[in-house]
Amino acid sequence: MKKLLKTIITATLLASSASYAAPIDADTKKEIEAIIDDYVSNHPEIIINAMKKLERDEQLKTQQAFLDIIKDYRASDRHPFLGKKNSKHYIIEFFDFNCGYCKVMEPFFEKALKEYELQIIYVNIPVIRAESAQLAYLGQALYDTDPNMYFKFHKHFMTPDNKKADEESVKALFKNIGADYDAVVKKISSSKNTIDENIKDSFKLKISGTPYLIIDGQEIRGAITSYDQLKSVLK
């Protein structure tokens, strides 16, 4: 850290001097480095203060991303959502179609929609296995084609038991819910950007797995395990 700090300070001074005077020669550069090295050695608190500032800056950056994402997602039409925009309460769920904990929470969300003025926003980040990405892209393309059809697809895969996700099984599901599989597949390339942006946002929020929830401005890493727990957060 000391060496890094010294390098940064030296580079800053040299850049500054280059802007206002002739370039510094090698001997002068060595003198500047020696002065900086002596100062940092005799004032170690500067290293601690610099580390604290870096940490604060990172926290502020993450917090701003958190607030921006809430505002953006609540107003956006690109993410599947239930309820009404600008409802009193909201849940933003980063989920994966293969996330067992996410599936456990679905009945809680359905019940809460009946009891609260609530908006639920589903943000798909395929992180569990390869087929998660296939379902994510296909699901987003279906939502962009027909939101009502999407939620039939969503309900099918978000029930607790495991559902087959091979091509023939998915085609059969589309036929069952009345969706055009081939037409939706053609739309994947244009819908893919939303999933890619979801993944980028998950990096900004430092999400390490699903589920990740934002409920009325409160961050929850991990699953809610009972409806009473969900109610306590909404209150």
C-alpha atoms as a PDB file:
ATOM      1  CA  MET A   1       0.000   0.000   0.000  1.00  0.00           C
ATOM      2  CA  LYS A   2       2.846   2.354   0.867  1.00  0.00           C
ATOM      3  CA  LYS A   3       4.518   1.712  -2.492  1.00  0.00           C
ATOM      4  CA  LEU A   4       1.221   2.213  -4.342  1.00  0.00           C
ATOM      5  CA  LEU A   5       0.529   5.470  -2.508  1.00  0.00           C
ATOM      6  CA  LYS A   6       4.025   6.729  -3.242  1.00  0.00           C
ATOM      7  CA  THR A   7       3.601   5.907  -6.932  1.00  0.00           C
ATOM      8  CA  ILE A   8       0.262   7.723  -7.127  1.00  0.00           C
ATOM      9  CA  ILE A   9       1.571  10.852  -5.398  1.00  0.00           C
ATOM     10  CA  THR A  10       4.710  10.919  -7.543  1.00  0.00           C
ATOM     11  CA  ALA A  11       2.730  10.485 -10.746  1.00  0.00           C
ATOM     12  CA  THR A  12       0.354  13.263  -9.732  1.00  0.00           C
ATOM     13  CA  LEU A  13       3.193  15.677  -8.983  1.00  0.00           C
ATOM     14  CA  LEU A  14       5.015  14.842 -12.180  1.00  0.00           C
ATOM     15  CA  ALA A  15       1.860  15.266 -14.254  1.00  0.00           C
ATOM     16  CA  SER A  16       1.177  18.576 -12.565  1.00  0.00           C
ATOM     17  CA  SER A  17       4.686  19.871 -13.168  1.00  0.00           C
ATOM     18  CA  ALA A  18       4.531  18.819 -16.809  1.00  0.00           C
ATOM     19  CA  SER A  19       1.469  20.992 -17.269  1.00  0.00           C
ATOM     20  CA  TYR A  20       3.063  24.152 -15.932  1.00  0.00           C
ATOM     21  CA  ALA A  21       6.807  23.855 -16.572  1.00  0.00           C
ATOM     22  CA  ALA A  22       9.480  21.988 -18.440  1.00  0.00           C
ATOM     23  CA  PRO A  23       9.736  18.209 -17.895  1.00  0.00           C
ATOM     24  CA  ILE A  24      11.500  17.166 -14.672  1.00  0.00           C
ATOM     25  CA  ASP A  25      14.944  15.632 -15.105  1.00  0.00           C
ATOM     26  CA  ALA A  26      15.936  12.269 -13.581  1.00  0.00           C
ATOM     27  CA  ASP A  27      17.797  13.757 -10.585  1.00  0.00           C
ATOM     28  CA  THR A  28      14.875  16.002  -9.624  1.00  0.00           C
ATOM     29  CA  LYS A  29      12.487  13.068  -9.974  1.00  0.00           C
ATOM     30  CA  LYS A  30      14.639  11.037  -7.548  1.00  0.00           C
ATOM     31  CA  GLU A  31      14.626  13.923  -5.066  1.00  0.00           C
ATOM     32  CA  ILE A  32      10.816  14.133  -5.210  1.00  0.00           C
ATOM     33  CA  GLU A  33      10.497  10.367  -4.702  1.00  0.00           C
ATOM     34  CA  ALA A  34      12.865  10.530  -1.713  1.00  0.00           C
ATOM     35  CA  ILE A  35      10.849  13.344  -0.111  1.00  0.00           C
ATOM     36  CA  ILE A  36       7.604  11.428  -0.615  1.00  0.00           C
ATOM     37  CA  ASP A  37       9.115   8.197   0.713  1.00  0.00           C
ATOM     38  CA  ASP A  38      10.376   9.992   3.828  1.00  0.00           C
ATOM     39  CA  TYR A  39       7.000  11.687   4.401  1.00  0.00           C
ATOM     40  CA  VAL A  40       4.981   8.478   4.051  1.00  0.00           C
ATOM     41  CA  SER A  41       7.428   6.600   6.315  1.00  0.00           C
ATOM     42  CA  ASN A  42       7.084   9.241   9.042  1.00  0.00           C
ATOM     43  CA  HIS A  43       3.324   9.665   8.655  1.00  0.00           C
ATOM     44  CA  PRO A  44       1.900   6.106   8.357  1.00  0.00           C
ATOM     45  CA  GLU A  45      -1.571   7.470   9.183  1.00  0.00           C
ATOM     46  CA  ILE A  46      -1.761   8.738   5.601  1.00  0.00           C
ATOM     47  CA  ILE A  47      -1.942   5.110   4.438  1.00  0.00           C
ATOM     48  CA  ILE A  48      -4.789   4.330   6.847  1.00  0.00           C
ATOM     49  CA  ASN A  49      -6.659   7.470   5.800  1.00  0.00           C
ATOM     50  CA  ALA A  50      -6.212   6.633   2.129  1.00  0.00           C
ATOM     51  CA  MET A  51      -7.563   3.112   2.683  1.00  0.00           C
ATOM     52  CA  LYS A  52     -10.561   4.483   4.577  1.00  0.00           C
ATOM     53  CA  LYS A  53     -11.286   6.939   1.773  1.00  0.00           C
ATOM     54  CA  LEU A  54     -11.125   4.188  -0.830  1.00  0.00           C
ATOM     55  CA  GLU A  55     -13.530   2.107   1.242  1.00  0.00           C
ATOM     56  CA  ARG A  56     -15.934   5.037   1.684  1.00  0.00           C
ATOM     57  CA  ASP A  57     -15.826   5.826  -2.029  1.00  0.00           C
ATOM     58  CA  GLU A  58     -16.596   2.196  -2.881  1.00  0.00           C
ATOM     59  CA  GLN A  59     -19.509   2.132  -0.429  1.00  0.00           C
ATOM     60  CA  LEU A  60     -20.923   5.344  -1.894  1.00  0.00           C
ATOM     61  CA  LYS A  61     -20.583   3.940  -5.402  1.00  0.00           C
ATOM     62  CA  THR A  62     -22.450   0.764  -4.437  1.00  0.00           C
ATOM     63  CA  GLN A  63     -25.131   2.723  -2.574  1.00  0.00           C
ATOM     64  CA  GLN A  64     -25.711   5.005  -5.564  1.00  0.00           C
ATOM     65  CA  ALA A  65     -26.005   1.971  -7.859  1.00  0.00           C
ATOM     66  CA  PHE A  66     -28.517   0.485  -5.393  1.00  0.00           C
ATOM     67  CA  LEU A  67     -30.687   3.633  -5.485  1.00  0.00           C
ATOM     68  CA  ASP A  68     -30.404   4.009  -9.268  1.00  0.00           C
ATOM     69  CA  ILE A  69     -31.442   0.389  -9.835  1.00  0.00           C
ATOM     70  CA  ILE A  70     -34.508   0.735  -7.600  1.00  0.00           C
ATOM     71  CA  LYS A  71     -35.631   3.866  -9.446  1.00  0.00           C
ATOM     72  CA  ASP A  72     -34.949   2.401 -12.874  1.00  0.00           C
ATOM     73  CA  TYR A  73     -36.549  -0.990 -12.262  1.00  0.00           C
ATOM     74  CA  ARG A  74     -39.714   0.401 -10.682  1.00  0.00           C
ATOM     75  CA  ALA A  75     -40.388   2.547 -13.757  1.00  0.00           C
ATOM     76  CA  SER A  76     -39.127   0.117 -16.401  1.00  0.00           C
ATOM     77  CA  ASP A  77     -41.223  -2.001 -18.755  1.00  0.00           C
ATOM     78  CA  ARG A  78     -38.372  -4.301 -19.707  1.00  0.00           C
ATOM     79  CA  HIS A  79     -38.528  -6.456 -16.575  1.00  0.00           C
ATOM     80  CA  PRO A  80     -41.438  -8.802 -15.841  1.00  0.00           C
ATOM     81  CA  PHE A  81     -43.544  -7.401 -13.004  1.00  0.00           C
ATOM     82  CA  LEU A  82     -46.817  -8.014 -11.208  1.00  0.00           C
ATOM     83  CA  GLY A  83     -48.972  -5.419  -9.481  1.00  0.00           C
ATOM     84  CA  LYS A  84     -48.966  -1.737 -10.324  1.00  0.00           C
ATOM     85  CA  LYS A  85     -46.081   0.639 -10.852  1.00  0.00           C
ATOM     86  CA  ASN A  86     -45.566   3.160  -8.066  1.00  0.00           C
ATOM     87  CA  SER A  87     -47.348   0.922  -5.572  1.00  0.00           C
ATOM     88  CA  LYS A  88     -46.798   1.701  -1.906  1.00  0.00           C
ATOM     89  CA  HIS A  89     -44.694  -1.454  -1.462  1.00  0.00           C
ATOM     90  CA  TYR A  90     -42.289  -3.154  -3.837  1.00  0.00           C
ATOM     91  CA  ILE A  91     -40.171  -6.279  -4.103  1.00  0.00           C
ATOM     92  CA  ILE A  92     -37.287  -6.551  -6.581  1.00  0.00           C
ATOM     93  CA  GLU A  93     -36.120 -10.138  -6.835  1.00  0.00           C
ATOM     94  CA  PHE A  94     -32.948 -11.227  -8.600  1.00  0.00           C
ATOM     95  CA  PHE A  95     -33.688 -14.890  -9.344  1.00  0.00           C
ATOM     96  CA  ASP A  96     -32.727 -17.940 -11.371  1.00  0.00           C
ATOM     97  CA  PHE A  97     -35.244 -20.413 -12.800  1.00  0.00           C
ATOM     98  CA  ASN A  98     -33.202 -23.207 -11.189  1.00  0.00           C
ATOM     99  CA  CYS A  99     -33.046 -21.559  -7.751  1.00  0.00           C
ATOM    100  CA  GLY A 100     -34.866 -23.744  -5.227  1.00  0.00           C
ATOM    101  CA  TYR A 101     -35.026 -20.981  -2.609  1.00  0.00           C
ATOM    102  CA  CYS A 102     -36.582 -18.629  -5.176  1.00  0.00           C
ATOM    103  CA  LYS A 103     -39.302 -21.202  -5.832  1.00  0.00           C
ATOM    104  CA  VAL A 104     -40.071 -21.481  -2.113  1.00  0.00           C
ATOM    105  CA  MET A 105     -40.800 -17.752  -1.972  1.00  0.00           C
ATOM    106  CA  GLU A 106     -43.227 -17.651  -4.909  1.00  0.00           C
ATOM    107  CA  PRO A 107     -46.351 -18.545  -2.832  1.00  0.00           C
ATOM    108  CA  PHE A 108     -45.409 -15.799  -0.334  1.00  0.00           C
ATOM    109  CA  PHE A 109     -45.282 -13.257  -3.141  1.00  0.00           C
ATOM    110  CA  GLU A 110     -48.610 -14.413  -4.579  1.00  0.00           C
ATOM    111  CA  LYS A 111     -50.245 -14.061  -1.163  1.00  0.00           C
ATOM    112  CA  ALA A 112     -48.689 -10.646  -0.554  1.00  0.00           C
ATOM    113  CA  LEU A 113     -50.066  -9.352  -3.872  1.00  0.00           C
ATOM    114  CA  LYS A 114     -53.576  -9.999  -2.541  1.00  0.00           C
ATOM    115  CA  GLU A 115     -52.926  -8.345   0.799  1.00  0.00           C
ATOM    116  CA  TYR A 116     -50.751  -5.350  -0.045  1.00  0.00           C
ATOM    117  CA  GLU A 117     -50.549  -2.552  -2.581  1.00  0.00           C
ATOM    118  CA  LEU A 118     -47.477  -4.137  -4.082  1.00  0.00           C
ATOM    119  CA  GLN A 119     -45.274  -4.261  -7.175  1.00  0.00           C
ATOM    120  CA  ILE A 120     -43.085  -7.339  -7.682  1.00  0.00           C
ATOM    121  CA  ILE A 121     -40.273  -7.032 -10.226  1.00  0.00           C
ATOM    122  CA  TYR A 122     -38.507 -10.177 -11.422  1.00  0.00           C
ATOM    123  CA  VAL A 123     -34.870  -9.765 -12.492  1.00  0.00           C
ATOM    124  CA  ASN A 124     -33.440 -12.903 -14.024  1.00  0.00           C
ATOM    125  CA  ILE A 125     -29.715 -13.557 -13.540  1.00  0.00           C
ATOM    126  CA  PRO A 126     -28.791 -17.056 -14.786  1.00  0.00           C
ATOM    127  CA  VAL A 127     -26.084 -18.156 -12.348  1.00  0.00           C
ATOM    128  CA  ILE A 128     -26.812 -21.743 -11.314  1.00  0.00           C
ATOM    129  CA  ARG A 129     -26.228 -23.893 -14.393  1.00  0.00           C
ATOM    130  CA  ALA A 130     -26.037 -23.747 -18.192  1.00  0.00           C
ATOM    131  CA  GLU A 131     -29.738 -24.282 -18.796  1.00  0.00           C
ATOM    132  CA  SER A 132     -30.478 -21.303 -16.548  1.00  0.00           C
ATOM    133  CA  ALA A 133     -29.189 -19.019 -19.313  1.00  0.00           C
ATOM    134  CA  GLN A 134     -31.305 -20.760 -21.954  1.00  0.00           C
ATOM    135  CA  LEU A 135     -34.442 -20.337 -19.846  1.00  0.00           C
ATOM    136  CA  ALA A 136     -33.549 -16.739 -18.986  1.00  0.00           C
ATOM    137  CA  TYR A 137     -33.136 -15.648 -22.617  1.00  0.00           C
ATOM    138  CA  LEU A 138     -36.196 -17.590 -23.748  1.00  0.00           C
ATOM    139  CA  GLY A 139     -38.293 -16.243 -20.872  1.00  0.00           C
ATOM    140  CA  GLN A 140     -37.283 -12.638 -21.582  1.00  0.00           C
ATOM    141  CA  ALA A 141     -38.086 -13.051 -25.288  1.00  0.00           C
ATOM    142  CA  LEU A 142     -41.492 -14.468 -24.335  1.00  0.00           C
ATOM    143  CA  TYR A 143     -42.128 -11.552 -21.961  1.00  0.00           C
ATOM    144  CA  ASP A 144     -41.214  -9.070 -24.701  1.00  0.00           C
ATOM    145  CA  THR A 145     -43.670 -10.881 -26.980  1.00  0.00           C
ATOM    146  CA  ASP A 146     -46.547 -11.401 -24.539  1.00  0.00           C
ATOM    147  CA  PRO A 147     -46.289 -10.644 -20.775  1.00  0.00           C
ATOM    148  CA  ASN A 148     -49.325 -12.815 -19.960  1.00  0.00           C
ATOM    149  CA  MET A 149     -47.758 -15.821 -21.676  1.00  0.00           C
ATOM    150  CA  TYR A 150     -44.521 -15.128 -19.837  1.00  0.00           C
ATOM    151  CA  PHE A 151     -46.132 -15.514 -16.419  1.00  0.00           C
ATOM    152  CA  LYS A 152     -47.543 -18.913 -17.403  1.00  0.00           C
ATOM    153  CA  PHE A 153     -43.983 -19.875 -18.338  1.00  0.00           C
ATOM    154  CA  HIS A 154     -42.685 -18.328 -15.110  1.00  0.00           C
ATOM    155  CA  LYS A 155     -45.213 -20.155 -12.929  1.00  0.00           C
ATOM    156  CA  HIS A 156     -44.382 -23.472 -14.593  1.00  0.00           C
ATOM    157  CA  PHE A 157     -40.662 -23.238 -13.848  1.00  0.00           C
ATOM    158  CA  MET A 158     -40.966 -21.531 -10.464  1.00  0.00           C
ATOM    159  CA  THR A 159     -42.977 -24.282  -8.785  1.00  0.00           C
ATOM    160  CA  PRO A 160     -40.931 -26.258  -6.223  1.00  0.00           C
ATOM    161  CA  ASP A 161     -40.613 -29.518  -8.193  1.00  0.00           C
ATOM    162  CA  ASN A 162     -37.990 -29.738 -10.897  1.00  0.00           C
ATOM    163  CA  LYS A 163     -39.222 -29.200 -14.435  1.00  0.00           C
ATOM    164  CA  LYS A 164     -37.571 -30.542 -17.556  1.00  0.00           C
ATOM    165  CA  ALA A 165     -35.926 -27.820 -19.609  1.00  0.00           C
ATOM    166  CA  ASP A 166     -34.805 -29.726 -22.686  1.00  0.00           C
ATOM    167  CA  GLU A 167     -35.975 -28.374 -26.040  1.00  0.00           C
ATOM    168  CA  GLU A 168     -38.792 -30.863 -26.561  1.00  0.00           C
ATOM    169  CA  SER A 169     -40.192 -30.266 -23.064  1.00  0.00           C
ATOM    170  CA  VAL A 170     -40.066 -26.500 -23.520  1.00  0.00           C
ATOM    171  CA  LYS A 171     -41.736 -26.746 -26.934  1.00  0.00           C
ATOM    172  CA  ALA A 172     -44.494 -28.832 -25.350  1.00  0.00           C
ATOM    173  CA  LEU A 173     -44.924 -26.183 -22.643  1.00  0.00           C
ATOM    174  CA  PHE A 174     -45.222 -23.431 -25.247  1.00  0.00           C
ATOM    175  CA  LYS A 175     -47.855 -25.416 -27.094  1.00  0.00           C
ATOM    176  CA  ASN A 176     -49.735 -25.991 -23.853  1.00  0.00           C
ATOM    177  CA  ILE A 177     -49.832 -22.291 -22.921  1.00  0.00           C
ATOM    178  CA  GLY A 178     -50.593 -21.211 -26.491  1.00  0.00           C
ATOM    179  CA  ALA A 179     -47.288 -19.504 -27.301  1.00  0.00           C
ATOM    180  CA  ASP A 180     -45.407 -19.635 -30.612  1.00  0.00           C
ATOM    181  CA  TYR A 181     -42.035 -21.212 -29.780  1.00  0.00           C
ATOM    182  CA  ASP A 182     -40.364 -20.481 -33.134  1.00  0.00           C
ATOM    183  CA  ALA A 183     -41.460 -16.825 -33.118  1.00  0.00           C
ATOM    184  CA  VAL A 184     -40.149 -16.335 -29.581  1.00  0.00           C
ATOM    185  CA  VAL A 185     -36.810 -17.996 -30.399  1.00  0.00           C
ATOM    186  CA  LYS A 186     -36.341 -15.510 -33.252  1.00  0.00           C
ATOM    187  CA  LYS A 187     -36.744 -12.673 -30.746  1.00  0.00           C
ATOM    188  CA  ILE A 188     -34.047 -13.911 -28.366  1.00  0.00           C
ATOM    189  CA  SER A 189     -31.239 -11.942 -30.009  1.00  0.00           C
ATOM    190  CA  SER A 190     -33.033  -8.631 -29.384  1.00  0.00           C
ATOM    191  CA  SER A 191     -34.241  -9.590 -25.898  1.00  0.00           C
ATOM    192  CA  LYS A 192     -30.853 -10.906 -24.762  1.00  0.00           C
ATOM    193  CA  ASN A 193     -29.644  -7.397 -23.889  1.00  0.00           C
ATOM    194  CA  THR A 194     -31.989  -7.190 -20.915  1.00  0.00           C
ATOM    195  CA  ILE A 195     -30.544 -10.332 -19.313  1.00  0.00           C
ATOM    196  CA  ASP A 196     -27.022  -9.103 -20.002  1.00  0.00           C
ATOM    197  CA  GLU A 197     -27.855  -5.789 -18.297  1.00  0.00           C
ATOM    198  CA  ASN A 198     -29.335  -7.696 -15.346  1.00  0.00           C
ATOM    199  CA  ILE A 199     -26.023  -9.496 -14.922  1.00  0.00           C
ATOM    200  CA  LYS A 200     -24.096  -6.205 -15.054  1.00  0.00           C
ATOM    201  CA  ASP A 201     -26.390  -4.764 -12.389  1.00  0.00           C
ATOM    202  CA  SER A 202     -25.816  -7.822 -10.211  1.00  0.00           C
ATOM    203  CA  PHE A 203     -22.078  -7.050 -10.332  1.00  0.00           C
ATOM    204  CA  LYS A 204     -22.741  -3.461  -9.261  1.00  0.00           C
ATOM    205  CA  LEU A 205     -24.704  -4.742  -6.268  1.00  0.00           C
ATOM    206  CA  LYS A 206     -22.078  -7.409  -5.502  1.00  0.00           C
ATOM    207  CA  ILE A 207     -24.655 -10.190  -5.718  1.00  0.00           C
ATOM    208  CA  SER A 208     -23.024 -13.574  -5.172  1.00  0.00           C
ATOM    209  CA  GLY A 209     -26.087 -15.775  -5.699  1.00  0.00           C
ATOM    210  CA  THR A 210     -29.860 -16.000  -5.803  1.00  0.00           C
ATOM    211  CA  PRO A 211     -32.197 -15.020  -4.360  1.00  0.00           C
ATOM    212  CA  TYR A 212     -31.259 -11.404  -3.758  1.00  0.00           C
ATOM    213  CA  LEU A 213     -34.105  -9.128  -2.706  1.00  0.00           C
ATOM    214  CA  ILE A 214     -34.759  -5.424  -2.368  1.00  0.00           C
ATOM    215  CA  ILE A 215     -37.970  -4.911  -0.390  1.00  0.00           C
ATOM    216  CA  ASP A 216     -39.100  -1.341   0.235  1.00  0.00           C
ATOM    217  CA  GLY A 217     -35.489  -0.178   0.075  1.00  0.00           C
ATOM    218  CA  GLN A 218     -34.165  -2.945   2.329  1.00  0.00           C
ATOM    219  CA  GLU A 219     -31.512  -5.284   0.948  1.00  0.00           C
ATOM    220  CA  ILE A 220     -31.949  -8.979   1.755  1.00  0.00           C
ATOM    221  CA  ARG A 221     -29.280 -11.442   0.683  1.00  0.00           C
ATOM    222  CA  GLY A 222     -30.830 -14.892   0.713  1.00  0.00           C
ATOM    223  CA  ALA A 223     -34.320 -16.304   0.937  1.00  0.00           C
ATOM    224  CA  ILE A 224     -37.291 -15.285   3.010  1.00  0.00           C
ATOM    225  CA  THR A 225     -38.432 -18.506   4.634  1.00  0.00           C
ATOM    226  CA  SER A 226     -41.971 -17.695   5.789  1.00  0.00           C
ATOM    227  CA  TYR A 227     -44.863 -15.420   4.936  1.00  0.00           C
ATOM    228  CA  ASP A 228     -44.690 -13.889   8.394  1.00  0.00           C
ATOM    229  CA  GLN A 229     -41.105 -12.859   7.696  1.00  0.00           C
ATOM    230  CA  LEU A 230     -42.158 -11.220   4.445  1.00  0.00           C
ATOM    231  CA  LYS A 231     -44.980  -9.374   6.220  1.00  0.00           C
ATOM    232  CA  SER A 232     -42.601  -8.069   8.861  1.00  0.00           C
ATOM    233  CA  VAL A 233     -40.366  -6.594   6.155  1.00  0.00           C
ATOM    234  CA  LEU A 234     -43.300  -5.031   4.272  1.00  0.00           C
ATOM    235  CA  LYS A 235     -44.525  -3.410   7.488  1.00  0.00           C
END
